[in-house]
Amino acid sequence: MKIILLENVRKVGSIGEVIDVKRGFARNFLISKKKALFASKENIKEVEKIKAELGKKDQEKKANAKEIESKLNNKEFTIKKLSTENKELYGSVKPTEISKIIKEQQNIDINPSMIQLSKEIKTLGLFDVILNLHSEVQSKIKINVVAQEEN
């Protein structure tokens, strides 16, 4: 399916590009999140007109992402979880929990979909987590999972 990108999307393309992607990816992600439009003649003309404006918005998003990156890069956040004697967690640490901890400690809103875990966090210890703040800006934080004292 041919679509026109309305913003830079990592590993897909940049603003104004007409690309061919799978129908499900286009409908369920790109178009629903307003990152793209169907590539009709009218839409192509429309995007050509507003390309500069979209570029400016993207630069603002990038600047905002860089600001967040400078605040969070290499920071360590501690999460307390119940665990067994052999340091395994009951459950795992999810991106929503990480997002909540960042909001509480740094007052920065990070969408859980921006959080990329290198592997599932199911044990106690220190883990590297990547935050995809923008298609061109990534930040790395550390999550320290410690045992929660049982009452």
C-alpha atoms as a PDB file:
ATOM      1  CA  MET A   1       0.000   0.000   0.000  1.00  0.00           C
ATOM      2  CA  LYS A   2       1.388   3.403  -0.946  1.00  0.00           C
ATOM      3  CA  ILE A   3       1.374   6.085   1.748  1.00  0.00           C
ATOM      4  CA  ILE A   4       2.892   9.543   2.363  1.00  0.00           C
ATOM      5  CA  LEU A   5       4.751  10.068   5.634  1.00  0.00           C
ATOM      6  CA  LEU A   6       3.757  13.097   7.720  1.00  0.00           C
ATOM      7  CA  GLU A   7       6.725  12.720  10.094  1.00  0.00           C
ATOM      8  CA  ASN A   8      10.083  10.987  10.268  1.00  0.00           C
ATOM      9  CA  VAL A   9       9.650   7.336  11.238  1.00  0.00           C
ATOM     10  CA  ARG A  10      12.712   5.312  12.249  1.00  0.00           C
ATOM     11  CA  LYS A  11      13.668   2.609   9.710  1.00  0.00           C
ATOM     12  CA  VAL A  12      10.726   3.597   7.480  1.00  0.00           C
ATOM     13  CA  GLY A  13      11.338   7.028   5.936  1.00  0.00           C
ATOM     14  CA  SER A  14      11.187  10.785   6.320  1.00  0.00           C
ATOM     15  CA  ILE A  15       8.586  13.543   5.948  1.00  0.00           C
ATOM     16  CA  GLY A  16       6.852  13.769   2.565  1.00  0.00           C
ATOM     17  CA  GLU A  17       8.233  10.467   1.265  1.00  0.00           C
ATOM     18  CA  VAL A  18       5.854   8.250  -0.695  1.00  0.00           C
ATOM     19  CA  ILE A  19       6.622   4.683   0.351  1.00  0.00           C
ATOM     20  CA  ASP A  20       5.152   1.223  -0.042  1.00  0.00           C
ATOM     21  CA  VAL A  21       4.357  -0.593   3.219  1.00  0.00           C
ATOM     22  CA  LYS A  22       2.218  -3.534   4.250  1.00  0.00           C
ATOM     23  CA  ARG A  23      -1.490  -2.771   4.481  1.00  0.00           C
ATOM     24  CA  GLY A  24      -1.779  -3.666   8.200  1.00  0.00           C
ATOM     25  CA  PHE A  25       1.220  -1.521   9.196  1.00  0.00           C
ATOM     26  CA  ALA A  26      -0.223   1.406   7.250  1.00  0.00           C
ATOM     27  CA  ARG A  27      -3.755   1.129   8.643  1.00  0.00           C
ATOM     28  CA  ASN A  28      -3.090   0.018  12.205  1.00  0.00           C
ATOM     29  CA  PHE A  29      -0.045   2.120  13.001  1.00  0.00           C
ATOM     30  CA  LEU A  30       0.975   4.852  10.556  1.00  0.00           C
ATOM     31  CA  ILE A  31      -2.460   6.188   9.579  1.00  0.00           C
ATOM     32  CA  SER A  32      -4.150   5.628  12.967  1.00  0.00           C
ATOM     33  CA  LYS A  33      -1.318   7.507  14.758  1.00  0.00           C
ATOM     34  CA  LYS A  34      -1.479  10.311  12.126  1.00  0.00           C
ATOM     35  CA  LYS A  35       2.072   9.587  10.965  1.00  0.00           C
ATOM     36  CA  ALA A  36       0.944   9.030   7.344  1.00  0.00           C
ATOM     37  CA  LEU A  37      -1.820   9.476   4.752  1.00  0.00           C
ATOM     38  CA  PHE A  38      -2.985   7.329   1.835  1.00  0.00           C
ATOM     39  CA  ALA A  39      -0.995   8.306  -1.272  1.00  0.00           C
ATOM     40  CA  SER A  40      -3.815   9.774  -3.386  1.00  0.00           C
ATOM     41  CA  LYS A  41      -3.072  12.598  -5.856  1.00  0.00           C
ATOM     42  CA  GLU A  42      -4.901  15.111  -3.625  1.00  0.00           C
ATOM     43  CA  ASN A  43      -2.990  14.027  -0.503  1.00  0.00           C
ATOM     44  CA  ILE A  44       0.366  14.202  -2.332  1.00  0.00           C
ATOM     45  CA  LYS A  45      -0.387  17.819  -3.410  1.00  0.00           C
ATOM     46  CA  GLU A  46      -1.542  18.681   0.122  1.00  0.00           C
ATOM     47  CA  VAL A  47       1.612  17.267   1.724  1.00  0.00           C
ATOM     48  CA  GLU A  48       3.831  19.160  -0.750  1.00  0.00           C
ATOM     49  CA  LYS A  49       2.158  22.404   0.415  1.00  0.00           C
ATOM     50  CA  ILE A  50       2.588  21.709   4.136  1.00  0.00           C
ATOM     51  CA  LYS A  51       5.981  19.985   3.981  1.00  0.00           C
ATOM     52  CA  ALA A  52       7.875  23.004   5.405  1.00  0.00           C
ATOM     53  CA  GLU A  53       5.417  23.278   8.294  1.00  0.00           C
ATOM     54  CA  LEU A  54       5.740  19.560   9.028  1.00  0.00           C
ATOM     55  CA  GLY A  55       9.540  19.910   8.937  1.00  0.00           C
ATOM     56  CA  LYS A  56       9.373  22.742  11.470  1.00  0.00           C
ATOM     57  CA  LYS A  57       7.100  20.690  13.781  1.00  0.00           C
ATOM     58  CA  ASP A  58       9.499  17.765  13.494  1.00  0.00           C
ATOM     59  CA  GLN A  59      12.440  20.018  14.449  1.00  0.00           C
ATOM     60  CA  GLU A  60      10.487  21.188  17.521  1.00  0.00           C
ATOM     61  CA  LYS A  61       9.773  17.574  18.505  1.00  0.00           C
ATOM     62  CA  LYS A  62      13.449  16.745  17.997  1.00  0.00           C
ATOM     63  CA  ALA A  63      14.578  19.699  20.157  1.00  0.00           C
ATOM     64  CA  ASN A  64      12.129  18.640  22.878  1.00  0.00           C
ATOM     65  CA  ALA A  65      13.415  15.044  22.644  1.00  0.00           C
ATOM     66  CA  LYS A  66      17.041  16.255  22.945  1.00  0.00           C
ATOM     67  CA  GLU A  67      16.108  18.252  26.056  1.00  0.00           C
ATOM     68  CA  ILE A  68      14.513  15.172  27.661  1.00  0.00           C
ATOM     69  CA  GLU A  69      17.511  13.068  26.583  1.00  0.00           C
ATOM     70  CA  SER A  70      19.924  15.462  28.318  1.00  0.00           C
ATOM     71  CA  LYS A  71      17.884  15.194  31.548  1.00  0.00           C
ATOM     72  CA  LEU A  72      17.504  11.404  31.510  1.00  0.00           C
ATOM     73  CA  ASN A  73      20.617  10.007  29.798  1.00  0.00           C
ATOM     74  CA  ASN A  74      22.430   7.442  31.993  1.00  0.00           C
ATOM     75  CA  LYS A  75      20.150   8.158  34.975  1.00  0.00           C
ATOM     76  CA  GLU A  76      19.336   5.256  37.274  1.00  0.00           C
ATOM     77  CA  PHE A  77      15.821   4.533  38.530  1.00  0.00           C
ATOM     78  CA  THR A  78      15.036   2.053  41.309  1.00  0.00           C
ATOM     79  CA  ILE A  79      11.964  -0.158  41.254  1.00  0.00           C
ATOM     80  CA  LYS A  80      10.983  -2.240  44.284  1.00  0.00           C
ATOM     81  CA  LYS A  81       9.342  -5.577  43.477  1.00  0.00           C
ATOM     82  CA  LEU A  82       8.438  -8.691  45.438  1.00  0.00           C
ATOM     83  CA  SER A  83      10.847 -11.529  44.668  1.00  0.00           C
ATOM     84  CA  THR A  84      11.653 -15.129  45.542  1.00  0.00           C
ATOM     85  CA  GLU A  85      14.732 -16.264  47.468  1.00  0.00           C
ATOM     86  CA  ASN A  86      16.590 -16.961  44.194  1.00  0.00           C
ATOM     87  CA  LYS A  87      16.132 -13.331  43.051  1.00  0.00           C
ATOM     88  CA  GLU A  88      13.344 -13.978  40.549  1.00  0.00           C
ATOM     89  CA  LEU A  89      10.441 -11.545  40.422  1.00  0.00           C
ATOM     90  CA  TYR A  90       6.778 -12.377  40.787  1.00  0.00           C
ATOM     91  CA  GLY A  91       5.841 -11.097  37.317  1.00  0.00           C
ATOM     92  CA  SER A  92       8.095  -8.693  35.438  1.00  0.00           C
ATOM     93  CA  VAL A  93       8.857  -4.979  35.118  1.00  0.00           C
ATOM     94  CA  LYS A  94       6.730  -3.509  32.308  1.00  0.00           C
ATOM     95  CA  PRO A  95       7.280  -0.286  30.296  1.00  0.00           C
ATOM     96  CA  THR A  96       4.214   1.251  32.000  1.00  0.00           C
ATOM     97  CA  GLU A  97       5.906   0.888  35.417  1.00  0.00           C
ATOM     98  CA  ILE A  98       9.116   2.444  34.082  1.00  0.00           C
ATOM     99  CA  SER A  99       7.097   5.312  32.582  1.00  0.00           C
ATOM    100  CA  LYS A 100       5.373   5.888  35.947  1.00  0.00           C
ATOM    101  CA  ILE A 101       8.683   5.923  37.875  1.00  0.00           C
ATOM    102  CA  ILE A 102      10.174   8.495  35.435  1.00  0.00           C
ATOM    103  CA  LYS A 103       7.040  10.663  35.830  1.00  0.00           C
ATOM    104  CA  GLU A 104       7.222  10.462  39.645  1.00  0.00           C
ATOM    105  CA  GLN A 105      10.961  11.121  39.976  1.00  0.00           C
ATOM    106  CA  GLN A 106      11.706  13.489  37.052  1.00  0.00           C
ATOM    107  CA  ASN A 107       8.217  14.838  36.198  1.00  0.00           C
ATOM    108  CA  ILE A 108       8.775  13.881  32.542  1.00  0.00           C
ATOM    109  CA  ASP A 109       6.040  12.144  30.564  1.00  0.00           C
ATOM    110  CA  ILE A 110       7.401   9.181  28.610  1.00  0.00           C
ATOM    111  CA  ASN A 111       4.934   7.127  26.593  1.00  0.00           C
ATOM    112  CA  PRO A 112       5.368   3.400  27.430  1.00  0.00           C
ATOM    113  CA  SER A 113       5.585   2.668  23.675  1.00  0.00           C
ATOM    114  CA  MET A 114       8.842   4.708  23.579  1.00  0.00           C
ATOM    115  CA  ILE A 115      10.458   2.364  26.111  1.00  0.00           C
ATOM    116  CA  GLN A 116      12.487  -0.443  24.557  1.00  0.00           C
ATOM    117  CA  LEU A 117      13.582  -3.233  26.872  1.00  0.00           C
ATOM    118  CA  SER A 118      16.626  -5.186  25.647  1.00  0.00           C
ATOM    119  CA  LYS A 119      15.155  -8.244  27.371  1.00  0.00           C
ATOM    120  CA  GLU A 120      12.324  -8.899  29.796  1.00  0.00           C
ATOM    121  CA  ILE A 121      13.093  -7.807  33.343  1.00  0.00           C
ATOM    122  CA  LYS A 122      12.227 -10.842  35.491  1.00  0.00           C
ATOM    123  CA  THR A 123      15.025 -10.838  38.088  1.00  0.00           C
ATOM    124  CA  LEU A 124      16.597  -8.457  40.581  1.00  0.00           C
ATOM    125  CA  GLY A 125      19.536  -6.433  39.297  1.00  0.00           C
ATOM    126  CA  LEU A 126      20.576  -3.565  37.035  1.00  0.00           C
ATOM    127  CA  PHE A 127      19.181  -3.365  33.493  1.00  0.00           C
ATOM    128  CA  ASP A 128      19.816  -1.024  30.537  1.00  0.00           C
ATOM    129  CA  VAL A 129      16.691   0.399  28.924  1.00  0.00           C
ATOM    130  CA  ILE A 130      16.554   2.441  25.717  1.00  0.00           C
ATOM    131  CA  LEU A 131      14.087   5.314  25.315  1.00  0.00           C
ATOM    132  CA  ASN A 132      13.148   6.150  21.706  1.00  0.00           C
ATOM    133  CA  LEU A 133      12.322   9.829  22.205  1.00  0.00           C
ATOM    134  CA  HIS A 134      12.338  10.738  18.481  1.00  0.00           C
ATOM    135  CA  SER A 135      13.207   8.978  15.246  1.00  0.00           C
ATOM    136  CA  GLU A 136      16.718  10.462  15.574  1.00  0.00           C
ATOM    137  CA  VAL A 137      17.071  10.752  19.383  1.00  0.00           C
ATOM    138  CA  GLN A 138      17.605   7.848  21.784  1.00  0.00           C
ATOM    139  CA  SER A 139      18.427   7.917  25.469  1.00  0.00           C
ATOM    140  CA  LYS A 140      19.691   5.138  27.698  1.00  0.00           C
ATOM    141  CA  ILE A 141      18.657   4.752  31.332  1.00  0.00           C
ATOM    142  CA  LYS A 142      19.320   2.114  33.954  1.00  0.00           C
ATOM    143  CA  ILE A 143      16.620   0.333  35.930  1.00  0.00           C
ATOM    144  CA  ASN A 144      17.743  -1.090  39.271  1.00  0.00           C
ATOM    145  CA  VAL A 145      15.279  -3.721  40.470  1.00  0.00           C
ATOM    146  CA  VAL A 146      15.572  -4.310  44.206  1.00  0.00           C
ATOM    147  CA  ALA A 147      13.692  -6.592  46.606  1.00  0.00           C
ATOM    148  CA  GLN A 148      10.647  -5.092  48.270  1.00  0.00           C
ATOM    149  CA  GLU A 149      10.485  -5.826  51.976  1.00  0.00           C
ATOM    150  CA  GLU A 150       7.411  -7.915  52.858  1.00  0.00           C
ATOM    151  CA  ASN A 151       5.264  -6.477  55.632  1.00  0.00           C
END
